[in-house]
Amino acid sequence: MINARAKLQSTLNVFVLAPLCVLTLASAAHAQNKAKDAAAKPVDAPTQIAPVVNKYPNIASGETVLRRADDAVATTYRYRLIEPRATALADPHARVPLVVFLHGSGERGNDNNAQLVHFAAACASDAFQAKAPCFVLAMQCPVDDVWSPLDIKGIRERDELPTFNRTPTNAMRALMQAIDEVMATKPIDPTRVYLTGLSLGGFGSFDLAMRRPELFAAVVPICGGGDPSTAATLARIPFYIVHGSDDPVVPVELSRTMREAIAGASANLSRDAKHTNDRSAKGKLDPSLARPMPKRAPNPMYREYDGVGHDSWTSAYRFGDDGVLDWMFAQSRSANDNAAKPVPKKSVTK
């Protein structure tokens, strides 16, 4: 971990100040080369995204107005809401999942397009919606804000890991407000709300999951990091953590640390559940409560792509054994079941 923290000190400036520009559907190797060439340039959203927005009318535009405490000035945050095809909602009682997507550092701005570059735009395609009908909420974080209040100085100068701050950033406050507004107005299945993000959005995914653990059926943070001390809360949500083994921007050790922390907390939850079940069997509680303990899928799931750098999202955001989407859409939550569902087909637990 000492080497990881030293590496973090030298690379975190790149993470914050050098946005990456990589097309969503490029191969991992090609994406890495593109990132090197575009390290100092913002995403060219008009060129990359405008044709996609024009092609798919199901990419709607929305906004939420955030009024800060003791401040009469309200701030408007814009977002894109990808909607499922009409056929998915033909039944008036139909409800479909909501995917909340948090973009990376390079997609910050106010054009309400750049946040679609990685993953989100692909969700609007006919092929994706045929496979997994869903709403996708992609808010854009302003360039002068972040999803989670990272203590950059502490990480650099005191070898600290990311620390959860009870006070959310304004962008995070706006995002939580937008989620509530969308869920109140759209036919969304409340048991199938998913959270995922990449890079800066990977950090934000850990942060938002801690703030709203009761909301999400699954969380997929990609090339990010979080506060290990929050693991006891996060372990109640199925996680699939993803990172590239050769990430030069966000050290893979951050994801490894969260994997270990959540796995430990998840084991404690399992022991507590077994203890309660054993007490029931001995008659100290209602004997009718005693039942065979259900098998639980590993939590967290973890995927580390060998030889892949910062762009591990291109490999991850796929259906099939090599990606995470089949697993994510298989998850659901109810009042009595917060355990991860088995991974379809082959399980990947590196």
Protein backbone atom coordinates (compact mmCIF):
# COMPACT_ATOMS: atom_id res chain seq x y z
CA MET A 1 0.00 0.00 0.00
CA ILE A 2 2.93 2.36 0.61
CA ASN A 3 3.97 2.06 -3.03
CA ALA A 4 0.37 2.64 -4.08
CA ARG A 5 0.17 5.84 -2.09
CA ALA A 6 3.48 7.10 -3.45
CA LYS A 7 2.22 6.42 -6.93
CA LEU A 8 -1.02 8.20 -6.10
CA GLN A 9 0.83 11.36 -5.07
CA SER A 10 2.58 11.61 -8.42
CA THR A 11 -0.42 10.75 -10.57
CA LEU A 12 -3.39 12.44 -8.93
CA ASN A 13 -2.61 15.77 -10.55
CA VAL A 14 -3.03 14.08 -13.90
CA PHE A 15 -6.37 12.69 -12.76
CA VAL A 16 -7.72 16.10 -11.79
CA LEU A 17 -6.20 18.34 -14.45
CA ALA A 18 -5.62 16.19 -17.52
CA PRO A 19 -8.94 14.95 -18.90
CA LEU A 20 -8.97 11.96 -21.17
CA CYS A 21 -10.67 11.84 -24.55
CA VAL A 22 -11.49 8.31 -25.61
CA LEU A 23 -14.43 7.20 -27.72
CA THR A 24 -16.74 4.80 -25.90
CA LEU A 25 -16.74 1.93 -28.35
CA ALA A 26 -13.02 1.90 -29.20
CA SER A 27 -10.92 -1.11 -28.28
CA ALA A 28 -9.01 -0.90 -25.01
CA ALA A 29 -5.61 -0.71 -26.69
CA HIS A 30 -6.73 1.94 -29.14
CA ALA A 31 -8.35 3.88 -26.33
CA GLN A 32 -5.10 4.04 -24.38
CA ASN A 33 -3.26 5.58 -27.35
CA LYS A 34 -6.05 8.08 -27.87
CA ALA A 35 -5.87 9.06 -24.21
CA LYS A 36 -2.16 9.83 -24.44
CA ASP A 37 -2.69 12.00 -27.50
CA ALA A 38 -5.59 13.90 -25.90
CA ALA A 39 -4.37 14.15 -22.32
CA ALA A 40 -4.38 17.96 -22.29
CA LYS A 41 -7.55 18.53 -24.33
CA PRO A 42 -11.19 18.51 -23.25
CA VAL A 43 -13.69 16.21 -24.89
CA ASP A 44 -14.74 17.38 -28.35
CA ALA A 45 -18.41 16.87 -27.61
CA PRO A 46 -19.85 18.65 -30.69
CA THR A 47 -17.93 16.36 -33.03
CA GLN A 48 -18.41 13.14 -31.09
CA ILE A 49 -21.86 13.47 -29.57
CA ALA A 50 -23.99 15.80 -31.70
CA PRO A 51 -24.53 13.14 -34.40
CA VAL A 52 -25.57 10.64 -31.73
CA VAL A 53 -28.04 13.02 -30.10
CA ASN A 54 -29.53 13.81 -33.49
CA LYS A 55 -29.80 10.11 -34.34
CA TYR A 56 -31.55 9.03 -31.16
CA PRO A 57 -34.61 11.09 -30.18
CA ASN A 58 -34.79 9.12 -26.92
CA ILE A 59 -31.92 11.23 -25.50
CA ALA A 60 -33.92 13.89 -23.69
CA SER A 61 -32.57 17.02 -22.03
CA GLY A 62 -33.47 18.02 -18.48
CA GLU A 63 -32.36 20.21 -15.63
CA THR A 64 -32.61 20.55 -11.88
CA VAL A 65 -32.35 23.81 -9.94
CA LEU A 66 -30.26 23.73 -6.77
CA ARG A 67 -30.74 26.49 -4.24
CA ARG A 68 -27.89 26.69 -1.76
CA ALA A 69 -28.46 27.40 1.91
CA ASP A 70 -28.20 31.09 2.84
CA ASP A 71 -27.84 31.96 -0.83
CA ALA A 72 -30.65 33.48 -2.86
CA VAL A 73 -28.94 32.57 -6.12
CA ALA A 74 -30.09 29.27 -7.60
CA THR A 75 -27.84 27.16 -9.82
CA THR A 76 -29.16 25.11 -12.73
CA TYR A 77 -27.60 21.71 -13.41
CA ARG A 78 -28.33 20.09 -16.73
CA TYR A 79 -28.60 16.41 -17.50
CA ARG A 80 -29.47 13.96 -20.22
CA LEU A 81 -32.12 11.31 -19.69
CA ILE A 82 -32.02 8.39 -22.08
CA GLU A 83 -35.45 6.82 -22.31
CA PRO A 84 -36.46 3.29 -23.29
CA ARG A 85 -38.32 2.53 -26.47
CA ALA A 86 -42.09 2.94 -26.39
CA THR A 87 -42.54 -0.82 -26.74
CA ALA A 88 -40.89 -1.32 -23.33
CA LEU A 89 -43.59 0.84 -21.76
CA ALA A 90 -46.55 -0.37 -23.81
CA ASP A 91 -48.10 -1.83 -20.67
CA PRO A 92 -49.32 1.14 -18.58
CA HIS A 93 -48.14 -0.71 -15.46
CA ALA A 94 -44.66 -1.39 -16.81
CA ARG A 95 -41.65 -0.28 -14.79
CA VAL A 96 -38.06 -0.36 -16.04
CA PRO A 97 -34.65 0.11 -14.39
CA LEU A 98 -32.84 3.40 -13.92
CA VAL A 99 -29.07 3.59 -14.47
CA VAL A 100 -27.36 6.58 -12.85
CA PHE A 101 -24.10 7.31 -14.68
CA LEU A 102 -21.31 9.54 -13.34
CA HIS A 103 -18.85 10.75 -15.97
CA GLY A 104 -15.13 11.43 -15.59
CA SER A 105 -13.06 14.58 -15.09
CA GLY A 106 -12.65 15.32 -18.78
CA GLU A 107 -16.38 15.47 -19.44
CA ARG A 108 -17.12 18.25 -16.96
CA GLY A 109 -18.60 21.44 -18.41
CA ASN A 110 -21.94 23.02 -19.27
CA ASP A 111 -22.70 21.88 -22.82
CA ASN A 112 -24.89 18.97 -21.63
CA ASN A 113 -23.29 16.72 -24.22
CA ALA A 114 -19.79 15.74 -23.12
CA GLN A 115 -21.08 13.47 -20.36
CA LEU A 116 -22.51 11.18 -23.04
CA VAL A 117 -19.16 10.36 -24.66
CA HIS A 118 -18.37 7.28 -22.59
CA PHE A 119 -21.08 4.64 -22.11
CA ALA A 120 -24.16 6.85 -21.83
CA ALA A 121 -24.62 7.48 -25.56
CA ALA A 122 -24.29 3.78 -26.29
CA CYS A 123 -27.24 3.14 -23.98
CA ALA A 124 -29.49 5.03 -26.39
CA SER A 125 -28.92 2.60 -29.24
CA ASP A 126 -31.61 0.21 -30.43
CA ALA A 127 -29.34 -2.75 -29.70
CA PHE A 128 -28.73 -1.72 -26.09
CA GLN A 129 -32.36 -0.92 -25.36
CA ALA A 130 -33.47 -4.20 -26.91
CA LYS A 131 -31.09 -6.03 -24.58
CA ALA A 132 -31.79 -3.98 -21.44
CA PRO A 133 -34.67 -1.49 -21.62
CA CYS A 134 -33.92 1.25 -19.11
CA PHE A 135 -33.70 4.93 -18.31
CA VAL A 136 -30.17 6.35 -18.03
CA LEU A 137 -29.59 9.56 -16.08
CA ALA A 138 -26.34 11.34 -16.99
CA MET A 139 -25.90 14.69 -15.27
CA GLN A 140 -22.99 16.95 -16.20
CA CYS A 141 -20.73 18.13 -13.39
CA PRO A 142 -19.50 21.74 -13.78
CA VAL A 143 -15.82 22.20 -14.53
CA ASP A 144 -15.22 23.87 -11.16
CA ASP A 145 -16.82 21.07 -9.12
CA VAL A 146 -16.40 17.33 -8.49
CA TRP A 147 -18.69 14.46 -7.56
CA SER A 148 -16.97 13.69 -4.28
CA PRO A 149 -14.99 16.05 -2.01
CA LEU A 150 -11.56 14.45 -2.36
CA ASP A 151 -8.86 15.71 -0.01
CA ILE A 152 -6.18 15.99 -2.66
CA LYS A 153 -3.70 17.65 -0.30
CA GLY A 154 -4.13 14.95 2.31
CA ILE A 155 -3.69 12.20 -0.24
CA ARG A 156 -0.55 13.79 -1.67
CA GLU A 157 1.18 15.12 1.42
CA ARG A 158 0.07 12.75 4.18
CA ASP A 159 -0.27 9.48 2.27
CA GLU A 160 -3.98 9.36 3.06
CA LEU A 161 -6.64 7.37 1.28
CA PRO A 162 -9.84 9.07 0.05
CA THR A 163 -11.95 10.16 3.02
CA PHE A 164 -15.72 10.34 2.99
CA ASN A 165 -17.02 13.84 3.76
CA ARG A 166 -20.49 14.03 5.27
CA THR A 167 -21.12 17.27 3.39
CA PRO A 168 -21.73 16.54 -0.31
CA THR A 169 -20.44 18.74 -3.08
CA ASN A 170 -22.96 20.94 -4.85
CA ALA A 171 -22.78 18.69 -7.91
CA MET A 172 -23.59 15.67 -5.76
CA ARG A 173 -26.48 17.50 -4.10
CA ALA A 174 -27.86 18.39 -7.51
CA LEU A 175 -27.46 14.81 -8.71
CA MET A 176 -29.36 13.38 -5.74
CA GLN A 177 -32.10 15.95 -6.32
CA ALA A 178 -32.31 15.02 -10.01
CA ILE A 179 -32.53 11.32 -9.18
CA ASP A 180 -35.49 11.96 -6.88
CA GLU A 181 -37.21 14.14 -9.50
CA VAL A 182 -36.77 11.58 -12.28
CA MET A 183 -37.95 8.71 -10.10
CA ALA A 184 -41.04 10.69 -9.13
CA THR A 185 -42.04 11.41 -12.72
CA LYS A 186 -40.96 8.38 -14.77
CA PRO A 187 -42.12 4.72 -14.72
CA ILE A 188 -39.02 3.41 -12.93
CA ASP A 189 -38.74 0.14 -11.03
CA PRO A 190 -37.53 1.23 -7.56
CA THR A 191 -36.00 -2.20 -6.93
CA ARG A 192 -33.70 -1.88 -9.95
CA VAL A 193 -31.83 1.41 -9.66
CA TYR A 194 -28.17 1.03 -10.64
CA LEU A 195 -25.19 3.31 -10.06
CA THR A 196 -22.01 3.35 -12.11
CA GLY A 197 -19.25 5.81 -12.91
CA LEU A 198 -15.74 5.98 -14.30
CA SER A 199 -12.59 7.72 -13.07
CA LEU A 200 -13.84 10.83 -11.23
CA GLY A 201 -17.25 9.19 -11.49
CA GLY A 202 -15.82 6.02 -9.96
CA PHE A 203 -14.92 8.00 -6.84
CA GLY A 204 -18.37 9.58 -7.00
CA SER A 205 -20.03 6.17 -7.17
CA PHE A 206 -18.52 5.11 -3.86
CA ASP A 207 -19.54 8.48 -2.41
CA LEU A 208 -23.15 8.42 -3.61
CA ALA A 209 -23.62 4.79 -2.56
CA MET A 210 -22.65 5.80 0.97
CA ARG A 211 -25.14 8.69 0.95
CA ARG A 212 -28.06 6.69 -0.45
CA PRO A 213 -27.39 3.01 0.35
CA GLU A 214 -31.10 2.22 0.49
CA LEU A 215 -31.61 3.25 -3.13
CA PHE A 216 -29.29 1.15 -5.25
CA ALA A 217 -29.62 -2.47 -6.33
CA ALA A 218 -26.02 -2.53 -7.56
CA VAL A 219 -23.00 -0.25 -7.83
CA VAL A 220 -20.25 -0.52 -10.47
CA PRO A 221 -17.33 1.87 -9.78
CA ILE A 222 -14.72 1.84 -12.55
CA CYS A 223 -11.12 3.06 -12.06
CA GLY A 224 -12.02 5.01 -8.92
CA GLY A 225 -11.57 4.70 -5.18
CA GLY A 226 -13.33 5.23 -1.89
CA ASP A 227 -13.03 5.42 1.87
CA PRO A 228 -12.46 1.96 3.41
CA SER A 229 -14.11 3.10 6.65
CA THR A 230 -17.47 3.21 4.83
CA ALA A 231 -17.33 -0.50 3.98
CA ALA A 232 -19.80 -1.60 6.66
CA THR A 233 -22.51 0.42 4.93
CA LEU A 234 -21.41 -0.31 1.37
CA ALA A 235 -21.30 -4.07 2.01
CA ARG A 236 -25.10 -4.09 2.12
CA ILE A 237 -25.16 -3.24 -1.59
CA PRO A 238 -23.91 -5.60 -4.34
CA PHE A 239 -20.72 -4.09 -5.79
CA TYR A 240 -18.74 -4.89 -8.93
CA ILE A 241 -15.43 -3.01 -8.75
CA VAL A 242 -13.40 -2.63 -11.96
CA HIS A 243 -9.89 -1.35 -12.64
CA GLY A 244 -7.06 -1.74 -15.14
CA SER A 245 -3.92 -3.33 -13.73
CA ASP A 246 -1.67 -0.73 -15.41
CA ASP A 247 -3.71 2.41 -14.72
CA PRO A 248 -1.25 5.37 -14.72
CA VAL A 249 -3.85 7.90 -13.56
CA VAL A 250 -5.76 6.31 -10.67
CA PRO A 251 -3.68 3.59 -8.98
CA VAL A 252 -5.29 0.17 -9.02
CA GLU A 253 -4.43 -0.17 -5.32
CA LEU A 254 -7.36 2.11 -4.52
CA SER A 255 -9.83 -0.40 -5.98
CA ARG A 256 -7.98 -3.30 -4.37
CA THR A 257 -8.26 -1.59 -0.99
CA MET A 258 -12.01 -1.13 -1.39
CA ARG A 259 -12.38 -4.74 -2.51
CA GLU A 260 -10.69 -5.94 0.68
CA ALA A 261 -12.67 -3.57 2.91
CA ILE A 262 -16.08 -4.45 1.45
CA ALA A 263 -15.27 -8.16 1.41
CA GLY A 264 -14.37 -8.03 5.10
CA ALA A 265 -17.53 -6.13 5.97
CA SER A 266 -19.61 -8.50 3.85
CA ALA A 267 -18.18 -11.47 5.73
CA ASN A 268 -19.20 -9.82 9.00
CA LEU A 269 -22.75 -9.39 7.70
CA SER A 270 -22.88 -13.07 6.78
CA ARG A 271 -21.66 -14.09 10.25
CA ASP A 272 -24.23 -11.84 11.90
CA ALA A 273 -27.00 -13.33 9.78
CA LYS A 274 -25.87 -16.85 10.64
CA HIS A 275 -25.73 -16.00 14.34
CA THR A 276 -29.31 -14.71 14.23
CA ASN A 277 -30.41 -17.85 12.40
CA ASP A 278 -28.65 -20.09 14.93
CA ARG A 279 -30.32 -18.29 17.84
CA SER A 280 -33.68 -18.84 16.18
CA ALA A 281 -32.94 -22.54 15.80
CA LYS A 282 -32.13 -22.82 19.52
CA GLY A 283 -35.46 -21.33 20.46
CA LYS A 284 -34.15 -18.06 21.87
CA LEU A 285 -36.09 -16.33 19.15
CA ASP A 286 -39.09 -17.49 17.17
CA PRO A 287 -38.13 -21.01 15.95
CA SER A 288 -40.13 -20.45 12.77
CA LEU A 289 -37.50 -17.92 11.73
CA ALA A 290 -34.83 -20.62 11.48
CA ARG A 291 -34.24 -21.59 7.87
CA PRO A 292 -31.33 -22.68 5.68
CA MET A 293 -28.97 -19.79 5.03
CA PRO A 294 -29.21 -18.72 1.37
CA LYS A 295 -26.08 -18.86 -0.71
CA ARG A 296 -24.67 -15.40 -1.31
CA ALA A 297 -22.72 -14.36 -4.36
CA PRO A 298 -19.31 -12.82 -3.59
CA ASN A 299 -19.47 -9.18 -2.56
CA PRO A 300 -17.81 -7.33 -4.00
CA MET A 301 -17.33 -8.81 -7.40
CA TYR A 302 -13.98 -7.61 -8.70
CA ARG A 303 -12.51 -7.42 -12.17
CA GLU A 304 -8.97 -6.28 -12.91
CA TYR A 305 -8.16 -6.14 -16.61
CA ASP A 306 -4.57 -7.26 -17.13
CA GLY A 307 -2.42 -4.85 -19.11
CA VAL A 308 -5.16 -2.21 -19.33
CA GLY A 309 -4.45 1.38 -18.31
CA HIS A 310 -6.90 4.06 -17.26
CA ASP A 311 -9.56 3.16 -19.81
CA SER A 312 -10.97 0.03 -18.22
CA TRP A 313 -14.53 1.21 -18.91
CA THR A 314 -14.46 0.21 -22.57
CA SER A 315 -13.81 -3.38 -21.53
CA ALA A 316 -16.27 -3.27 -18.64
CA TYR A 317 -19.33 -1.70 -20.24
CA ARG A 318 -20.24 -4.76 -22.28
CA PHE A 319 -22.72 -7.59 -22.16
CA GLY A 320 -21.27 -11.09 -22.02
CA ASP A 321 -18.69 -12.79 -19.85
CA ASP A 322 -16.01 -10.10 -20.27
CA GLY A 323 -18.20 -7.21 -19.18
CA VAL A 324 -20.28 -6.18 -16.18
CA LEU A 325 -23.65 -5.31 -17.70
CA ASP A 326 -25.28 -8.75 -17.49
CA TRP A 327 -24.39 -8.87 -13.80
CA MET A 328 -25.61 -5.34 -13.14
CA PHE A 329 -29.00 -5.77 -14.77
CA ALA A 330 -29.49 -9.09 -12.94
CA GLN A 331 -29.48 -7.33 -9.57
CA SER A 332 -32.61 -6.21 -7.76
CA ARG A 333 -33.40 -5.31 -4.22
CA SER A 334 -36.39 -5.78 -1.97
CA ALA A 335 -37.13 -5.27 1.68
CA ASN A 336 -35.97 -8.80 2.51
CA ASP A 337 -33.11 -9.42 0.13
CA ASN A 338 -29.99 -7.27 -0.22
CA ALA A 339 -27.72 -10.12 -1.28
CA ALA A 340 -26.07 -10.06 -4.68
CA LYS A 341 -27.70 -12.26 -7.29
CA PRO A 342 -25.56 -14.89 -9.02
CA VAL A 343 -23.62 -13.69 -12.02
CA PRO A 344 -25.13 -14.92 -15.28
CA LYS A 345 -23.03 -17.56 -17.00
CA LYS A 346 -19.40 -17.39 -15.90
CA SER A 347 -18.41 -15.71 -12.67
CA VAL A 348 -15.41 -13.39 -12.70
CA THR A 349 -13.72 -12.88 -9.35
CA LYS A 350 -10.10 -12.06 -9.82
